[in-house]
Every structure is written in C-alpha cells, then in structure tokens.
Amino acid sequence: LVQPGGSLRLSCAASGIIIFSIHAMG
C-alpha cells in the first residue's frame, strides 16, 4: 500500500527458464 505520488520497487525471480537471457521479460 502506497500513497499517491509514492514509489515501490517490484522484483520477480524466475526459475526453470533454461536460458533466461534470451527471453524478453515483461
């Protein structure tokens, strides 16, 4: 929960993708 004007940083850890670097991530 954040107030309008605030900031957050999201993270996403991926596993099971053999060659992660070749994929576009969104």
mmCIF file of all heavy atoms, coordinates in Angstrom:
data_MODEL
# 
_entry.id   MODEL 
# 
loop_
_atom_site.group_PDB 
_atom_site.id 
_atom_site.type_symbol 
_atom_site.label_atom_id 
_atom_site.label_alt_id 
_atom_site.label_comp_id 
_atom_site.label_asym_id 
_atom_site.label_entity_id 
_atom_site.label_seq_id 
_atom_site.pdbx_PDB_ins_code 
_atom_site.Cartn_x 
_atom_site.Cartn_y 
_atom_site.Cartn_z 
_atom_site.occupancy 
_atom_site.B_iso_or_equiv 
_atom_site.pdbx_formal_charge 
_atom_site.auth_seq_id 
_atom_site.auth_comp_id 
_atom_site.auth_asym_id 
_atom_site.auth_atom_id 
_atom_site.pdbx_PDB_model_num 
ATOM 1   N N   . LEU A 1 1  ? 0.851  -1.191  0.000   1.00 0.00 ? 1  LEU A N   1 
ATOM 2   C CA  . LEU A 1 1  ? 0.000  0.000   0.000   1.00 0.00 ? 1  LEU A CA  1 
ATOM 3   C C   . LEU A 1 1  ? 0.885  1.240   0.000   1.00 0.00 ? 1  LEU A C   1 
ATOM 4   O O   . LEU A 1 1  ? 1.795  1.354   0.835   1.00 0.00 ? 1  LEU A O   1 
ATOM 5   C CB  . LEU A 1 1  ? -0.902 -0.011  1.236   1.00 0.00 ? 1  LEU A CB  1 
ATOM 6   C CG  . LEU A 1 1  ? -1.752 1.234   1.488   1.00 0.00 ? 1  LEU A CG  1 
ATOM 7   C CD1 . LEU A 1 1  ? -2.742 1.438   0.346   1.00 0.00 ? 1  LEU A CD1 1 
ATOM 8   C CD2 . LEU A 1 1  ? -2.469 1.125   2.822   1.00 0.00 ? 1  LEU A CD2 1 
ATOM 9   N N   . VAL A 1 2  ? 0.617  2.138   -0.907  1.00 0.00 ? 2  VAL A N   1 
ATOM 10  C CA  . VAL A 1 2  ? 1.417  3.355   -1.014  1.00 0.00 ? 2  VAL A CA  1 
ATOM 11  C C   . VAL A 1 2  ? 0.491  4.524   -1.335  1.00 0.00 ? 2  VAL A C   1 
ATOM 12  O O   . VAL A 1 2  ? -0.545 4.350   -1.994  1.00 0.00 ? 2  VAL A O   1 
ATOM 13  C CB  . VAL A 1 2  ? 2.517  3.193   -2.082  1.00 0.00 ? 2  VAL A CB  1 
ATOM 14  C CG1 . VAL A 1 2  ? 1.915  2.966   -3.456  1.00 0.00 ? 2  VAL A CG1 1 
ATOM 15  C CG2 . VAL A 1 2  ? 3.490  4.354   -2.079  1.00 0.00 ? 2  VAL A CG2 1 
ATOM 16  N N   . GLN A 1 3  ? 0.858  5.686   -0.865  1.00 0.00 ? 3  GLN A N   1 
ATOM 17  C CA  . GLN A 1 3  ? 0.066  6.882   -1.156  1.00 0.00 ? 3  GLN A CA  1 
ATOM 18  C C   . GLN A 1 3  ? 0.337  7.386   -2.560  1.00 0.00 ? 3  GLN A C   1 
ATOM 19  O O   . GLN A 1 3  ? 1.419  7.142   -3.123  1.00 0.00 ? 3  GLN A O   1 
ATOM 20  C CB  . GLN A 1 3  ? 0.403  7.976   -0.141  1.00 0.00 ? 3  GLN A CB  1 
ATOM 21  C CG  . GLN A 1 3  ? -0.058 7.667   1.275   1.00 0.00 ? 3  GLN A CG  1 
ATOM 22  C CD  . GLN A 1 3  ? 0.160  8.833   2.218   1.00 0.00 ? 3  GLN A CD  1 
ATOM 23  O OE1 . GLN A 1 3  ? 0.958  9.725   1.952   1.00 0.00 ? 3  GLN A OE1 1 
ATOM 24  N NE2 . GLN A 1 3  ? -0.569 8.837   3.322   1.00 0.00 ? 3  GLN A NE2 1 
ATOM 25  N N   . PRO A 1 4  ? -0.616 8.092   -3.138  1.00 0.00 ? 4  PRO A N   1 
ATOM 26  C CA  . PRO A 1 4  ? -0.373 8.699   -4.451  1.00 0.00 ? 4  PRO A CA  1 
ATOM 27  C C   . PRO A 1 4  ? 0.897  9.546   -4.431  1.00 0.00 ? 4  PRO A C   1 
ATOM 28  O O   . PRO A 1 4  ? 1.150  10.282  -3.462  1.00 0.00 ? 4  PRO A O   1 
ATOM 29  C CB  . PRO A 1 4  ? -1.616 9.553   -4.676  1.00 0.00 ? 4  PRO A CB  1 
ATOM 30  C CG  . PRO A 1 4  ? -2.685 8.848   -3.898  1.00 0.00 ? 4  PRO A CG  1 
ATOM 31  C CD  . PRO A 1 4  ? -1.995 8.327   -2.676  1.00 0.00 ? 4  PRO A CD  1 
ATOM 32  N N   . GLY A 1 5  ? 1.697  9.402   -5.477  1.00 0.00 ? 5  GLY A N   1 
ATOM 33  C CA  . GLY A 1 5  ? 2.975  10.097  -5.553  1.00 0.00 ? 5  GLY A CA  1 
ATOM 34  C C   . GLY A 1 5  ? 4.136  9.303   -5.008  1.00 0.00 ? 5  GLY A C   1 
ATOM 35  O O   . GLY A 1 5  ? 5.294  9.696   -5.173  1.00 0.00 ? 5  GLY A O   1 
ATOM 36  N N   . GLY A 1 6  ? 3.841  8.200   -4.361  1.00 0.00 ? 6  GLY A N   1 
ATOM 37  C CA  . GLY A 1 6  ? 4.878  7.377   -3.762  1.00 0.00 ? 6  GLY A CA  1 
ATOM 38  C C   . GLY A 1 6  ? 5.553  6.456   -4.759  1.00 0.00 ? 6  GLY A C   1 
ATOM 39  O O   . GLY A 1 6  ? 5.253  6.476   -5.957  1.00 0.00 ? 6  GLY A O   1 
ATOM 40  N N   . SER A 1 7  ? 6.464  5.639   -4.229  1.00 0.00 ? 7  SER A N   1 
ATOM 41  C CA  . SER A 1 7  ? 7.251  4.729   -5.057  1.00 0.00 ? 7  SER A CA  1 
ATOM 42  C C   . SER A 1 7  ? 7.258  3.329   -4.480  1.00 0.00 ? 7  SER A C   1 
ATOM 43  O O   . SER A 1 7  ? 7.131  3.142   -3.262  1.00 0.00 ? 7  SER A O   1 
ATOM 44  C CB  . SER A 1 7  ? 8.701  5.228   -5.153  1.00 0.00 ? 7  SER A CB  1 
ATOM 45  O OG  . SER A 1 7  ? 8.776  6.490   -5.761  1.00 0.00 ? 7  SER A OG  1 
ATOM 46  N N   . LEU A 1 8  ? 7.432  2.368   -5.368  1.00 0.00 ? 8  LEU A N   1 
ATOM 47  C CA  . LEU A 1 8  ? 7.633  0.976   -4.990  1.00 0.00 ? 8  LEU A CA  1 
ATOM 48  C C   . LEU A 1 8  ? 8.595  0.349   -5.981  1.00 0.00 ? 8  LEU A C   1 
ATOM 49  O O   . LEU A 1 8  ? 8.658  0.776   -7.140  1.00 0.00 ? 8  LEU A O   1 
ATOM 50  C CB  . LEU A 1 8  ? 6.320  0.179   -5.002  1.00 0.00 ? 8  LEU A CB  1 
ATOM 51  C CG  . LEU A 1 8  ? 5.345  0.352   -3.839  1.00 0.00 ? 8  LEU A CG  1 
ATOM 52  C CD1 . LEU A 1 8  ? 4.063  -0.408  -4.140  1.00 0.00 ? 8  LEU A CD1 1 
ATOM 53  C CD2 . LEU A 1 8  ? 5.947  -0.110  -2.532  1.00 0.00 ? 8  LEU A CD2 1 
ATOM 54  N N   . ARG A 1 9  ? 9.287  -0.681  -5.532  1.00 0.00 ? 9  ARG A N   1 
ATOM 55  C CA  . ARG A 1 9  ? 10.152 -1.455  -6.421  1.00 0.00 ? 9  ARG A CA  1 
ATOM 56  C C   . ARG A 1 9  ? 9.723  -2.916  -6.341  1.00 0.00 ? 9  ARG A C   1 
ATOM 57  O O   . ARG A 1 9  ? 9.786  -3.532  -5.284  1.00 0.00 ? 9  ARG A O   1 
ATOM 58  C CB  . ARG A 1 9  ? 11.615 -1.321  -6.025  1.00 0.00 ? 9  ARG A CB  1 
ATOM 59  C CG  . ARG A 1 9  ? 12.569 -1.953  -7.040  1.00 0.00 ? 9  ARG A CG  1 
ATOM 60  C CD  . ARG A 1 9  ? 13.979 -1.988  -6.533  1.00 0.00 ? 9  ARG A CD  1 
ATOM 61  N NE  . ARG A 1 9  ? 14.949 -2.309  -7.575  1.00 0.00 ? 9  ARG A NE  1 
ATOM 62  C CZ  . ARG A 1 9  ? 16.043 -3.032  -7.375  1.00 0.00 ? 9  ARG A CZ  1 
ATOM 63  N NH1 . ARG A 1 9  ? 16.294 -3.533  -6.175  1.00 0.00 ? 9  ARG A NH1 1 
ATOM 64  N NH2 . ARG A 1 9  ? 16.881 -3.264  -8.373  1.00 0.00 ? 9  ARG A NH2 1 
ATOM 65  N N   . LEU A 1 10 ? 9.308  -3.432  -7.475  1.00 0.00 ? 10 LEU A N   1 
ATOM 66  C CA  . LEU A 1 10 ? 8.898  -4.828  -7.572  1.00 0.00 ? 10 LEU A CA  1 
ATOM 67  C C   . LEU A 1 10 ? 10.058 -5.686  -8.058  1.00 0.00 ? 10 LEU A C   1 
ATOM 68  O O   . LEU A 1 10 ? 10.895 -5.227  -8.838  1.00 0.00 ? 10 LEU A O   1 
ATOM 69  C CB  . LEU A 1 10 ? 7.717  -4.981  -8.523  1.00 0.00 ? 10 LEU A CB  1 
ATOM 70  C CG  . LEU A 1 10 ? 6.490  -4.095  -8.270  1.00 0.00 ? 10 LEU A CG  1 
ATOM 71  C CD1 . LEU A 1 10 ? 5.390  -4.452  -9.262  1.00 0.00 ? 10 LEU A CD1 1 
ATOM 72  C CD2 . LEU A 1 10 ? 6.010  -4.210  -6.852  1.00 0.00 ? 10 LEU A CD2 1 
ATOM 73  N N   . SER A 1 11 ? 10.073 -6.927  -7.599  1.00 0.00 ? 11 SER A N   1 
ATOM 74  C CA  . SER A 1 11 ? 11.069 -7.893  -8.046  1.00 0.00 ? 11 SER A CA  1 
ATOM 75  C C   . SER A 1 11 ? 10.370 -9.154  -8.523  1.00 0.00 ? 11 SER A C   1 
ATOM 76  O O   . SER A 1 11 ? 9.291  -9.499  -8.040  1.00 0.00 ? 11 SER A O   1 
ATOM 77  C CB  . SER A 1 11 ? 12.029 -8.251  -6.908  1.00 0.00 ? 11 SER A CB  1 
ATOM 78  O OG  . SER A 1 11 ? 12.732 -7.133  -6.443  1.00 0.00 ? 11 SER A OG  1 
ATOM 79  N N   . CYS A 1 12 ? 11.011 -9.837  -9.457  1.00 0.00 ? 12 CYS A N   1 
ATOM 80  C CA  . CYS A 1 12 ? 10.474 -11.104 -9.950  1.00 0.00 ? 12 CYS A CA  1 
ATOM 81  C C   . CYS A 1 12 ? 11.637 -12.066 -10.144 1.00 0.00 ? 12 CYS A C   1 
ATOM 82  O O   . CYS A 1 12 ? 12.522 -11.803 -10.959 1.00 0.00 ? 12 CYS A O   1 
ATOM 83  C CB  . CYS A 1 12 ? 9.730  -10.904 -11.256 1.00 0.00 ? 12 CYS A CB  1 
ATOM 84  S SG  . CYS A 1 12 ? 9.293  -12.449 -12.081 1.00 0.00 ? 12 CYS A SG  1 
ATOM 85  N N   . ALA A 1 13 ? 11.600 -13.149 -9.402  1.00 0.00 ? 13 ALA A N   1 
ATOM 86  C CA  . ALA A 1 13 ? 12.625 -14.184 -9.517  1.00 0.00 ? 13 ALA A CA  1 
ATOM 87  C C   . ALA A 1 13 ? 12.093 -15.314 -10.384 1.00 0.00 ? 13 ALA A C   1 
ATOM 88  O O   . ALA A 1 13 ? 11.015 -15.854 -10.129 1.00 0.00 ? 13 ALA A O   1 
ATOM 89  C CB  . ALA A 1 13 ? 13.000 -14.700 -8.140  1.00 0.00 ? 13 ALA A CB  1 
ATOM 90  N N   . ALA A 1 14 ? 12.844 -15.643 -11.410 1.00 0.00 ? 14 ALA A N   1 
ATOM 91  C CA  . ALA A 1 14 ? 12.436 -16.685 -12.348 1.00 0.00 ? 14 ALA A CA  1 
ATOM 92  C C   . ALA A 1 14 ? 13.310 -17.920 -12.170 1.00 0.00 ? 14 ALA A C   1 
ATOM 93  O O   . ALA A 1 14 ? 14.516 -17.813 -11.960 1.00 0.00 ? 14 ALA A O   1 
ATOM 94  C CB  . ALA A 1 14 ? 12.558 -16.181 -13.781 1.00 0.00 ? 14 ALA A CB  1 
ATOM 95  N N   . SER A 1 15 ? 12.675 -19.083 -12.245 1.00 0.00 ? 15 SER A N   1 
ATOM 96  C CA  . SER A 1 15 ? 13.423 -20.331 -12.231 1.00 0.00 ? 15 SER A CA  1 
ATOM 97  C C   . SER A 1 15 ? 12.800 -21.268 -13.250 1.00 0.00 ? 15 SER A C   1 
ATOM 98  O O   . SER A 1 15 ? 11.637 -21.100 -13.628 1.00 0.00 ? 15 SER A O   1 
ATOM 99  C CB  . SER A 1 15 ? 13.413 -20.972 -10.843 1.00 0.00 ? 15 SER A CB  1 
ATOM 100 O OG  . SER A 1 15 ? 12.097 -21.279 -10.441 1.00 0.00 ? 15 SER A OG  1 
ATOM 101 N N   . GLY A 1 16 ? 13.591 -22.205 -13.713 1.00 0.00 ? 16 GLY A N   1 
ATOM 102 C CA  . GLY A 1 16 ? 13.082 -23.151 -14.683 1.00 0.00 ? 16 GLY A CA  1 
ATOM 103 C C   . GLY A 1 16 ? 13.184 -22.667 -16.120 1.00 0.00 ? 16 GLY A C   1 
ATOM 104 O O   . GLY A 1 16 ? 12.838 -23.397 -17.050 1.00 0.00 ? 16 GLY A O   1 
ATOM 105 N N   . ILE A 1 17 ? 13.636 -21.443 -16.325 1.00 0.00 ? 17 ILE A N   1 
ATOM 106 C CA  . ILE A 1 17 ? 13.890 -20.934 -17.678 1.00 0.00 ? 17 ILE A CA  1 
ATOM 107 C C   . ILE A 1 17 ? 15.367 -21.182 -17.951 1.00 0.00 ? 17 ILE A C   1 
ATOM 108 O O   . ILE A 1 17 ? 16.231 -20.562 -17.332 1.00 0.00 ? 17 ILE A O   1 
ATOM 109 C CB  . ILE A 1 17 ? 13.567 -19.438 -17.787 1.00 0.00 ? 17 ILE A CB  1 
ATOM 110 C CG1 . ILE A 1 17 ? 12.082 -19.203 -17.489 1.00 0.00 ? 17 ILE A CG1 1 
ATOM 111 C CG2 . ILE A 1 17 ? 13.917 -18.923 -19.180 1.00 0.00 ? 17 ILE A CG2 1 
ATOM 112 C CD1 . ILE A 1 17 ? 11.677 -17.744 -17.500 1.00 0.00 ? 17 ILE A CD1 1 
ATOM 113 N N   . ILE A 1 18 ? 15.633 -22.098 -18.870 1.00 0.00 ? 18 ILE A N   1 
ATOM 114 C CA  . ILE A 1 18 ? 16.997 -22.589 -19.041 1.00 0.00 ? 18 ILE A CA  1 
ATOM 115 C C   . ILE A 1 18 ? 17.960 -21.477 -19.445 1.00 0.00 ? 18 ILE A C   1 
ATOM 116 O O   . ILE A 1 18 ? 19.034 -21.310 -18.864 1.00 0.00 ? 18 ILE A O   1 
ATOM 117 C CB  . ILE A 1 18 ? 17.028 -23.746 -20.058 1.00 0.00 ? 18 ILE A CB  1 
ATOM 118 C CG1 . ILE A 1 18 ? 16.207 -24.926 -19.519 1.00 0.00 ? 18 ILE A CG1 1 
ATOM 119 C CG2 . ILE A 1 18 ? 18.467 -24.162 -20.332 1.00 0.00 ? 18 ILE A CG2 1 
ATOM 120 C CD1 . ILE A 1 18 ? 16.065 -26.067 -20.493 1.00 0.00 ? 18 ILE A CD1 1 
ATOM 121 N N   . ILE A 1 19 ? 17.585 -20.719 -20.457 1.00 0.00 ? 19 ILE A N   1 
ATOM 122 C CA  . ILE A 1 19 ? 18.438 -19.609 -20.892 1.00 0.00 ? 19 ILE A CA  1 
ATOM 123 C C   . ILE A 1 19 ? 17.647 -18.330 -20.716 1.00 0.00 ? 19 ILE A C   1 
ATOM 124 O O   . ILE A 1 19 ? 16.990 -17.846 -21.630 1.00 0.00 ? 19 ILE A O   1 
ATOM 125 C CB  . ILE A 1 19 ? 18.893 -19.787 -22.352 1.00 0.00 ? 19 ILE A CB  1 
ATOM 126 C CG1 . ILE A 1 19 ? 19.516 -21.171 -22.555 1.00 0.00 ? 19 ILE A CG1 1 
ATOM 127 C CG2 . ILE A 1 19 ? 19.897 -18.702 -22.716 1.00 0.00 ? 19 ILE A CG2 1 
ATOM 128 C CD1 . ILE A 1 19 ? 19.936 -21.458 -23.974 1.00 0.00 ? 19 ILE A CD1 1 
ATOM 129 N N   . PHE A 1 20 ? 17.706 -17.787 -19.521 1.00 0.00 ? 20 PHE A N   1 
ATOM 130 C CA  . PHE A 1 20 ? 16.897 -16.614 -19.170 1.00 0.00 ? 20 PHE A CA  1 
ATOM 131 C C   . PHE A 1 20 ? 17.209 -15.428 -20.063 1.00 0.00 ? 20 PHE A C   1 
ATOM 132 O O   . PHE A 1 20 ? 16.321 -14.693 -20.491 1.00 0.00 ? 20 PHE A O   1 
ATOM 133 C CB  . PHE A 1 20 ? 17.174 -16.265 -17.701 1.00 0.00 ? 20 PHE A CB  1 
ATOM 134 C CG  . PHE A 1 20 ? 16.457 -15.054 -17.185 1.00 0.00 ? 20 PHE A CG  1 
ATOM 135 C CD1 . PHE A 1 20 ? 15.141 -15.139 -16.769 1.00 0.00 ? 20 PHE A CD1 1 
ATOM 136 C CD2 . PHE A 1 20 ? 17.100 -13.816 -17.096 1.00 0.00 ? 20 PHE A CD2 1 
ATOM 137 C CE1 . PHE A 1 20 ? 14.470 -14.038 -16.276 1.00 0.00 ? 20 PHE A CE1 1 
ATOM 138 C CE2 . PHE A 1 20 ? 16.448 -12.709 -16.603 1.00 0.00 ? 20 PHE A CE2 1 
ATOM 139 C CZ  . PHE A 1 20 ? 15.120 -12.820 -16.191 1.00 0.00 ? 20 PHE A CZ  1 
ATOM 140 N N   . SER A 1 21 ? 18.479 -15.272 -20.400 1.00 0.00 ? 21 SER A N   1 
ATOM 141 C CA  . SER A 1 21 ? 18.918 -14.050 -21.082 1.00 0.00 ? 21 SER A CA  1 
ATOM 142 C C   . SER A 1 21 ? 18.371 -13.895 -22.493 1.00 0.00 ? 21 SER A C   1 
ATOM 143 O O   . SER A 1 21 ? 18.374 -12.789 -23.031 1.00 0.00 ? 21 SER A O   1 
ATOM 144 C CB  . SER A 1 21 ? 20.443 -14.004 -21.109 1.00 0.00 ? 21 SER A CB  1 
ATOM 145 O OG  . SER A 1 21 ? 20.958 -15.126 -21.805 1.00 0.00 ? 21 SER A OG  1 
ATOM 146 N N   . ILE A 1 22 ? 17.899 -14.975 -23.105 1.00 0.00 ? 22 ILE A N   1 
ATOM 147 C CA  . ILE A 1 22 ? 17.435 -14.846 -24.482 1.00 0.00 ? 22 ILE A CA  1 
ATOM 148 C C   . ILE A 1 22 ? 15.980 -14.403 -24.571 1.00 0.00 ? 22 ILE A C   1 
ATOM 149 O O   . ILE A 1 22 ? 15.485 -14.124 -25.657 1.00 0.00 ? 22 ILE A O   1 
ATOM 150 C CB  . ILE A 1 22 ? 17.606 -16.164 -25.268 1.00 0.00 ? 22 ILE A CB  1 
ATOM 151 C CG1 . ILE A 1 22 ? 16.649 -17.248 -24.746 1.00 0.00 ? 22 ILE A CG1 1 
ATOM 152 C CG2 . ILE A 1 22 ? 19.050 -16.616 -25.253 1.00 0.00 ? 22 ILE A CG2 1 
ATOM 153 C CD1 . ILE A 1 22 ? 16.628 -18.482 -25.612 1.00 0.00 ? 22 ILE A CD1 1 
ATOM 154 N N   . HIS A 1 23 ? 15.315 -14.351 -23.417 1.00 0.00 ? 23 HIS A N   1 
ATOM 155 C CA  . HIS A 1 23 ? 13.895 -14.002 -23.406 1.00 0.00 ? 23 HIS A CA  1 
ATOM 156 C C   . HIS A 1 23 ? 13.679 -12.527 -23.118 1.00 0.00 ? 23 HIS A C   1 
ATOM 157 O O   . HIS A 1 23 ? 14.318 -11.960 -22.216 1.00 0.00 ? 23 HIS A O   1 
ATOM 158 C CB  . HIS A 1 23 ? 13.149 -14.810 -22.345 1.00 0.00 ? 23 HIS A CB  1 
ATOM 159 C CG  . HIS A 1 23 ? 13.091 -16.278 -22.630 1.00 0.00 ? 23 HIS A CG  1 
ATOM 160 N ND1 . HIS A 1 23 ? 12.161 -16.839 -23.480 1.00 0.00 ? 23 HIS A ND1 1 
ATOM 161 C CD2 . HIS A 1 23 ? 13.864 -17.294 -22.211 1.00 0.00 ? 23 HIS A CD2 1 
ATOM 162 C CE1 . HIS A 1 23 ? 12.354 -18.141 -23.544 1.00 0.00 ? 23 HIS A CE1 1 
ATOM 163 N NE2 . HIS A 1 23 ? 13.388 -18.456 -22.783 1.00 0.00 ? 23 HIS A NE2 1 
ATOM 164 N N   . ALA A 1 24 ? 12.771 -11.921 -23.854 1.00 0.00 ? 24 ALA A N   1 
ATOM 165 C CA  . ALA A 1 24 ? 12.267 -10.625 -23.434 1.00 0.00 ? 24 ALA A CA  1 
ATOM 166 C C   . ALA A 1 24 ? 11.414 -10.854 -22.197 1.00 0.00 ? 24 ALA A C   1 
ATOM 167 O O   . ALA A 1 24 ? 10.622 -11.792 -22.146 1.00 0.00 ? 24 ALA A O   1 
ATOM 168 C CB  . ALA A 1 24 ? 11.424 -9.999  -24.535 1.00 0.00 ? 24 ALA A CB  1 
ATOM 169 N N   . MET A 1 25 ? 11.592 -10.017 -21.208 1.00 0.00 ? 25 MET A N   1 
ATOM 170 C CA  . MET A 1 25 ? 10.837 -10.137 -19.962 1.00 0.00 ? 25 MET A CA  1 
ATOM 171 C C   . MET A 1 25 ? 9.947  -8.920  -19.785 1.00 0.00 ? 25 MET A C   1 
ATOM 172 O O   . MET A 1 25 ? 10.354 -7.793  -20.062 1.00 0.00 ? 25 MET A O   1 
ATOM 173 C CB  . MET A 1 25 ? 11.775 -10.264 -18.765 1.00 0.00 ? 25 MET A CB  1 
ATOM 174 C CG  . MET A 1 25 ? 12.587 -11.546 -18.758 1.00 0.00 ? 25 MET A CG  1 
ATOM 175 S SD  . MET A 1 25 ? 11.578 -13.044 -18.672 1.00 0.00 ? 25 MET A SD  1 
ATOM 176 C CE  . MET A 1 25 ? 10.717 -12.830 -17.119 1.00 0.00 ? 25 MET A CE  1 
ATOM 177 N N   . GLY A 1 26 ? 8.756  -9.165  -19.297 1.00 0.00 ? 26 GLY A N   1 
ATOM 178 C CA  . GLY A 1 26 ? 7.805  -8.079  -19.146 1.00 0.00 ? 26 GLY A CA  1 
ATOM 179 C C   . GLY A 1 26 ? 7.129  -8.068  -17.794 1.00 0.00 ? 26 GLY A C   1 
ATOM 180 O O   . GLY A 1 26 ? 7.089  -9.082  -17.094 1.00 0.00 ? 26 GLY A O   1 
# 
